Amino acid sequence: MTPDLKLHSAAVIGATGPTGKHLARELLQRGINVRVISRSAENLERAFAGLDAQRIAADAVDAVAVRRAIEGCEVAFDCIGLPAEHMDLHPVTARAISDAASALGCRCVQVSSFWSYLPARSQPINEGSPRDGGNFYIRMRRQAEDIVLAGGGAVLHLPDFFGPEVHASSLQNFLEEAARGDRANWIGSADTDRDYVYVPDAMRVAADLAGHSGAYGKRWVLGGSGALSARRAAEITGGHLGKKIVIRSASPWMLKIISLFSADLRAFMPMVPHYAQSVSFDDGRLAELVGPIEHTVYADAIPTTLDWIAGQASE
């Protein structure tokens, strides 16, 4: 479907995270005036050096600051991703952004995860899948999404993502460990298939979604590049790096023991049972709105990601 909204200006909140960085660049490539917003002016300068994007330092928990930051923009993208210890702030930032957008007559698109559909009762996950139950992290994500929806905004649900600029995800961690020559950890069986999305693909869809008036007030599920097991990921990775990748399948109980020595893993443990299961997504409804969705195949996306990881290691 052809977009019916011509966008001239957009604000990207949480712009220094992986989705924010890729989305801002995608919007700039489309000739849209972009305002990038994050708490740290220094991080904004570093992330967008050489790019023609207006930089504004503002804390998204501050409703007044958010309103000032997005004033004059036609659409505001919520790309905020919070660490486990601040997961309770997702509803707070969603409220600040949604209220500011409503007051200013600005449209709102929230880039979220698939977590609010957990625990998954059936596959593939789509917009009609149940959204109830789950742990505290899941409930906070769901509550934030519901705030945006109630304010007339659109919510885009992503699979676990990977790619350049990503620093923490289950597949990204696997690739980073393999690139270092370590055993590559995989949650659950090495034969468990999961669907992952290459983050540049996802942000291209986010930009497309914002141009459709029919997107707003609704939830949209995006699929990824298809089923991927640890064995297939290791095969692609090993072919690109020219070495054999050793996989370490980590069961939930094994990770619980390892988490005693890792604060980051301890924080992630409530989500581990969900990540040990297979997951797939149906984005047919989304495709009906925005048109055919192009996904970069893993055979291309994983090598590009590995090259980015290698570049980061050499800096």
Protein backbone atom coordinates (compact mmCIF):
# COMPACT_ATOMS: atom_id res chain seq x y z
CA MET A 1 0.00 0.00 0.00
CA THR A 2 1.26 3.49 -0.85
CA PRO A 3 1.93 5.69 2.21
CA ASP A 4 -0.73 8.34 2.66
CA LEU A 5 1.27 10.55 5.02
CA LYS A 6 4.15 12.67 3.73
CA LEU A 7 6.60 13.04 6.60
CA HIS A 8 8.93 16.03 6.72
CA SER A 9 10.15 15.94 10.33
CA ALA A 10 10.65 13.22 12.93
CA ALA A 11 12.02 12.89 16.45
CA VAL A 12 13.85 9.74 17.51
CA ILE A 13 13.86 9.30 21.29
CA GLY A 14 16.41 6.87 22.64
CA ALA A 15 18.47 7.70 19.58
CA THR A 16 21.83 6.39 20.82
CA GLY A 17 20.59 2.80 21.14
CA PRO A 18 20.85 0.38 18.20
CA THR A 19 17.30 0.86 16.93
CA GLY A 20 17.55 4.63 17.34
CA LYS A 21 20.81 4.88 15.42
CA HIS A 22 19.58 2.82 12.49
CA LEU A 23 16.17 4.49 12.40
CA ALA A 24 17.64 8.01 12.40
CA ARG A 25 19.90 7.10 9.49
CA GLU A 26 17.02 5.52 7.60
CA LEU A 27 14.89 8.64 8.03
CA LEU A 28 17.74 10.92 6.95
CA GLN A 29 18.25 8.84 3.80
CA ARG A 30 14.59 9.50 2.99
CA GLY A 31 15.13 13.25 3.16
CA ILE A 32 13.27 13.69 6.45
CA ASN A 33 14.45 16.29 8.97
CA VAL A 34 15.52 14.30 12.00
CA ARG A 35 15.84 15.32 15.63
CA VAL A 36 17.78 12.81 17.73
CA ILE A 37 17.07 12.80 21.47
CA SER A 38 18.91 11.08 24.29
CA ARG A 39 20.01 11.87 27.84
CA SER A 40 23.66 12.43 26.97
CA ALA A 41 24.75 15.23 24.66
CA GLU A 42 28.18 13.61 24.45
CA ASN A 43 26.72 10.28 23.30
CA LEU A 44 24.60 12.06 20.70
CA GLU A 45 27.64 13.81 19.27
CA ARG A 46 29.55 10.55 19.13
CA ALA A 47 26.69 8.56 17.56
CA PHE A 48 25.73 11.12 14.93
CA ALA A 49 29.02 12.79 14.10
CA GLY A 50 28.97 14.04 10.53
CA LEU A 51 25.23 13.56 10.12
CA ASP A 52 22.76 16.37 9.56
CA ALA A 53 20.54 15.59 12.54
CA GLN A 54 19.50 18.05 15.23
CA ARG A 55 20.74 16.83 18.62
CA ILE A 56 18.80 17.45 21.83
CA ALA A 57 19.79 16.12 25.24
CA ALA A 58 16.67 15.31 27.28
CA ASP A 59 15.65 12.68 29.81
CA ALA A 60 12.55 10.80 28.64
CA VAL A 61 11.25 10.45 32.20
CA ASP A 62 10.83 14.25 32.27
CA ALA A 63 7.51 15.00 30.57
CA VAL A 64 8.27 18.71 30.20
CA ALA A 65 11.67 18.01 28.62
CA VAL A 66 10.14 15.51 26.21
CA ARG A 67 7.48 17.97 25.09
CA ARG A 68 10.09 20.64 24.40
CA ALA A 69 12.30 18.16 22.58
CA ILE A 70 9.67 16.90 20.12
CA GLU A 71 7.79 20.16 19.55
CA GLY A 72 7.44 20.88 15.84
CA CYS A 73 7.93 17.26 14.75
CA GLU A 74 5.25 15.36 12.87
CA VAL A 75 6.09 11.98 14.37
CA ALA A 76 7.96 10.87 17.47
CA PHE A 77 9.57 7.43 17.59
CA ASP A 78 10.03 5.82 21.00
CA CYS A 79 13.16 3.68 20.61
CA ILE A 80 13.97 3.49 24.31
CA GLY A 81 15.48 0.25 25.56
CA LEU A 82 16.09 0.10 29.29
CA PRO A 83 18.33 -2.24 31.30
CA ALA A 84 16.75 -4.72 33.69
CA GLU A 85 17.26 -2.56 36.77
CA HIS A 86 15.24 0.25 35.17
CA MET A 87 12.55 -1.80 33.45
CA ASP A 88 9.96 -0.14 35.69
CA LEU A 89 10.61 3.15 33.86
CA HIS A 90 9.23 1.91 30.53
CA PRO A 91 5.67 2.96 31.44
CA VAL A 92 7.00 6.27 32.75
CA THR A 93 8.81 7.17 29.54
CA ALA A 94 5.90 5.89 27.43
CA ARG A 95 3.52 8.15 29.34
CA ALA A 96 5.78 11.18 28.92
CA ILE A 97 6.20 10.60 25.19
CA SER A 98 2.57 9.71 24.48
CA ASP A 99 1.18 12.66 26.44
CA ALA A 100 3.60 15.09 24.82
CA ALA A 101 2.78 13.79 21.35
CA SER A 102 -0.97 14.05 21.98
CA ALA A 103 -0.70 17.58 23.32
CA LEU A 104 1.36 18.70 20.32
CA GLY A 105 -0.65 16.92 17.64
CA CYS A 106 2.34 14.71 16.88
CA ARG A 107 1.98 11.07 15.88
CA CYS A 108 3.79 8.43 17.95
CA VAL A 109 5.40 5.11 16.99
CA GLN A 110 6.85 2.89 19.70
CA VAL A 111 9.51 0.37 18.71
CA SER A 112 9.04 -2.48 21.16
CA SER A 113 9.87 -6.17 21.54
CA PHE A 114 7.86 -9.38 21.35
CA TRP A 115 8.00 -9.75 25.15
CA SER A 116 4.44 -8.61 25.78
CA TYR A 117 3.21 -11.75 23.96
CA LEU A 118 5.02 -13.98 26.45
CA PRO A 119 4.43 -16.61 27.65
CA ALA A 120 3.68 -17.65 24.07
CA ARG A 121 0.76 -20.05 23.93
CA SER A 122 0.92 -20.72 20.20
CA GLN A 123 3.13 -20.14 17.19
CA PRO A 124 3.57 -18.10 15.11
CA ILE A 125 3.02 -14.99 17.20
CA ASN A 126 0.75 -12.42 15.56
CA GLU A 127 -1.34 -9.43 16.59
CA GLY A 128 -4.13 -11.67 17.85
CA SER A 129 -1.91 -13.70 20.16
CA PRO A 130 -2.65 -13.42 23.90
CA ARG A 131 -0.94 -10.65 25.84
CA ASP A 132 -1.34 -11.62 29.49
CA GLY A 133 0.63 -13.15 32.31
CA GLY A 134 4.39 -13.19 32.46
CA ASN A 135 7.03 -11.80 34.77
CA PHE A 136 7.66 -8.22 35.85
CA TYR A 137 9.78 -7.36 32.80
CA ILE A 138 7.07 -8.58 30.45
CA ARG A 139 4.34 -6.71 32.30
CA MET A 140 6.30 -3.44 32.23
CA ARG A 141 6.79 -3.70 28.47
CA ARG A 142 3.12 -4.50 27.99
CA GLN A 143 2.02 -1.61 30.19
CA ALA A 144 4.21 0.82 28.23
CA GLU A 145 2.76 -0.39 24.94
CA ASP A 146 -0.79 -0.04 26.21
CA ILE A 147 -0.13 3.57 27.19
CA VAL A 148 1.01 4.38 23.65
CA LEU A 149 -1.95 2.55 22.12
CA ALA A 150 -4.43 4.37 24.37
CA GLY A 151 -2.91 7.65 23.18
CA GLY A 152 -3.49 6.73 19.53
CA GLY A 153 0.08 5.68 18.79
CA ALA A 154 1.35 2.66 16.88
CA VAL A 155 3.42 -0.14 18.41
CA LEU A 156 5.86 -2.21 16.34
CA HIS A 157 6.82 -5.53 17.94
CA LEU A 158 10.25 -6.84 16.96
CA PRO A 159 11.79 -10.29 17.30
CA ASP A 160 15.13 -10.44 19.09
CA PHE A 161 17.41 -8.41 16.83
CA PHE A 162 21.04 -8.40 15.77
CA GLY A 163 23.36 -6.42 13.52
CA PRO A 164 25.80 -3.50 13.56
CA GLU A 165 25.45 -1.23 16.61
CA VAL A 166 23.79 -3.99 18.67
CA HIS A 167 25.59 -4.78 21.90
CA ALA A 168 23.25 -7.16 23.70
CA SER A 169 20.91 -9.79 22.31
CA SER A 170 20.93 -13.57 22.34
CA LEU A 171 22.16 -13.95 18.75
CA GLN A 172 24.50 -10.95 18.94
CA ASN A 173 26.15 -12.41 22.05
CA PHE A 174 26.60 -15.74 20.23
CA LEU A 175 28.31 -13.96 17.32
CA GLU A 176 30.55 -11.90 19.59
CA GLU A 177 31.71 -14.99 21.49
CA ALA A 178 32.39 -16.83 18.25
CA ALA A 179 34.36 -13.87 16.89
CA ARG A 180 36.55 -13.85 20.02
CA GLY A 181 37.28 -17.53 19.59
CA ASP A 182 35.30 -18.48 22.68
CA ARG A 183 32.68 -21.16 22.89
CA ALA A 184 29.49 -19.64 21.55
CA ASN A 185 26.67 -19.93 24.07
CA TRP A 186 23.17 -20.79 22.89
CA ILE A 187 20.20 -20.80 25.24
CA GLY A 188 18.55 -24.22 25.05
CA SER A 189 19.14 -26.91 22.45
CA ALA A 190 21.48 -26.18 19.53
CA ASP A 191 18.68 -27.45 17.27
CA THR A 192 16.07 -25.01 18.58
CA ASP A 193 14.94 -22.68 15.81
CA ARG A 194 14.26 -19.03 16.55
CA ASP A 195 13.38 -16.09 14.31
CA TYR A 196 15.68 -13.03 14.48
CA VAL A 197 15.46 -9.69 12.71
CA TYR A 198 18.40 -7.78 11.25
CA VAL A 199 18.06 -4.35 12.84
CA PRO A 200 18.47 -2.26 9.64
CA ASP A 201 15.57 -4.26 8.14
CA ALA A 202 13.43 -3.58 11.19
CA MET A 203 14.05 0.15 11.16
CA ARG A 204 13.24 0.39 7.47
CA VAL A 205 9.84 -1.10 8.34
CA ALA A 206 9.44 1.29 11.30
CA ALA A 207 9.97 4.23 8.96
CA ASP A 208 7.49 2.75 6.47
CA LEU A 209 4.89 2.20 9.19
CA ALA A 210 4.96 5.86 10.26
CA GLY A 211 3.79 6.91 6.81
CA HIS A 212 0.47 5.07 7.02
CA SER A 213 -2.42 6.68 8.88
CA GLY A 214 -3.96 3.22 9.28
CA ALA A 215 -1.04 2.16 11.47
CA TYR A 216 -1.97 4.32 14.44
CA GLY A 217 -3.87 3.06 17.44
CA LYS A 218 -2.83 -0.51 16.58
CA ARG A 219 -0.16 -3.11 17.29
CA TRP A 220 1.98 -4.59 14.51
CA VAL A 221 4.12 -7.73 14.61
CA LEU A 222 7.26 -7.90 12.48
CA GLY A 223 8.88 -11.19 11.60
CA GLY A 224 12.57 -11.76 11.01
CA SER A 225 14.77 -13.57 8.52
CA GLY A 226 13.29 -16.97 9.36
CA ALA A 227 14.13 -19.99 11.50
CA LEU A 228 17.72 -20.12 12.73
CA SER A 229 19.32 -22.75 14.95
CA ALA A 230 22.68 -22.58 16.68
CA ARG A 231 24.06 -25.12 14.22
CA ARG A 232 23.08 -23.01 11.22
CA ALA A 233 24.37 -19.82 12.89
CA ALA A 234 27.68 -21.56 13.61
CA GLU A 235 27.90 -22.81 10.03
CA ILE A 236 27.49 -19.29 8.59
CA THR A 237 29.79 -17.76 11.19
CA GLY A 238 32.48 -20.39 10.77
CA GLY A 239 32.37 -20.04 6.98
CA HIS A 240 32.92 -16.30 7.25
CA LEU A 241 35.63 -16.46 9.92
CA GLY A 242 37.35 -19.49 8.45
CA LYS A 243 37.24 -21.59 11.60
CA LYS A 244 35.07 -24.11 13.37
CA ILE A 245 32.66 -22.63 15.88
CA VAL A 246 32.20 -24.59 19.08
CA ILE A 247 28.65 -24.34 20.40
CA ARG A 248 27.84 -24.60 24.09
CA SER A 249 24.15 -25.35 24.60
CA ALA A 250 23.13 -23.81 27.91
CA SER A 251 20.04 -25.09 29.66
CA PRO A 252 18.15 -22.80 32.06
CA TRP A 253 19.51 -24.65 35.10
CA MET A 254 23.09 -24.34 33.80
CA LEU A 255 22.63 -20.62 33.21
CA LYS A 256 21.25 -20.23 36.71
CA ILE A 257 24.53 -21.58 38.09
CA ILE A 258 26.60 -19.39 35.77
CA SER A 259 24.53 -16.35 36.76
CA LEU A 260 25.98 -16.57 40.27
CA PHE A 261 29.13 -15.08 38.74
CA SER A 262 27.51 -12.62 36.30
CA ALA A 263 25.30 -9.72 37.33
CA ASP A 264 24.10 -9.19 33.74
CA LEU A 265 23.05 -12.82 33.41
CA ARG A 266 21.34 -12.76 36.81
CA ALA A 267 19.24 -9.82 35.62
CA PHE A 268 18.29 -11.71 32.45
CA MET A 269 17.39 -14.98 34.18
CA PRO A 270 13.62 -14.29 34.37
CA MET A 271 13.57 -14.31 30.54
CA VAL A 272 15.75 -17.41 30.02
CA PRO A 273 12.90 -19.99 29.97
CA HIS A 274 11.28 -18.07 27.11
CA TYR A 275 14.54 -17.84 25.16
CA ALA A 276 15.10 -21.58 25.48
CA GLN A 277 11.99 -22.18 23.35
CA SER A 278 11.49 -21.83 19.63
CA VAL A 279 9.66 -18.74 18.41
CA SER A 280 8.25 -17.59 15.08
CA PHE A 281 6.26 -14.60 13.91
CA ASP A 282 3.55 -13.86 11.36
CA ASP A 283 3.85 -10.37 9.85
CA GLY A 284 1.23 -10.90 7.16
CA ARG A 285 -1.05 -8.21 8.59
CA LEU A 286 1.83 -5.72 8.61
CA ALA A 287 2.67 -6.57 4.99
CA GLU A 288 -0.92 -5.85 3.99
CA LEU A 289 -0.42 -2.30 5.29
CA VAL A 290 3.11 -1.42 4.20
CA GLY A 291 3.62 -3.78 1.29
CA PRO A 292 6.08 -6.68 0.86
CA ILE A 293 8.63 -6.81 3.67
CA GLU A 294 12.23 -7.49 2.66
CA HIS A 295 14.38 -9.46 5.09
CA THR A 296 18.14 -9.79 4.69
CA VAL A 297 19.03 -13.49 4.66
CA TYR A 298 21.23 -14.72 7.51
CA ALA A 299 23.95 -15.69 5.02
CA ASP A 300 24.39 -11.98 4.29
CA ALA A 301 23.38 -10.37 7.59
CA ILE A 302 25.56 -12.47 9.89
CA PRO A 303 28.83 -11.81 7.98
CA THR A 304 28.08 -8.08 7.90
CA THR A 305 27.49 -8.16 11.64
CA LEU A 306 30.71 -10.11 12.21
CA ASP A 307 32.66 -7.54 10.20
CA TRP A 308 31.21 -4.78 12.39
CA ILE A 309 32.14 -6.74 15.54
CA ALA A 310 35.69 -7.14 14.24
CA GLY A 311 35.90 -3.41 13.57
CA GLN A 312 34.79 -2.63 17.11
CA ALA A 313 37.40 -5.00 18.53
CA SER A 314 40.17 -3.28 16.59
CA GLU A 315 39.33 0.23 17.83
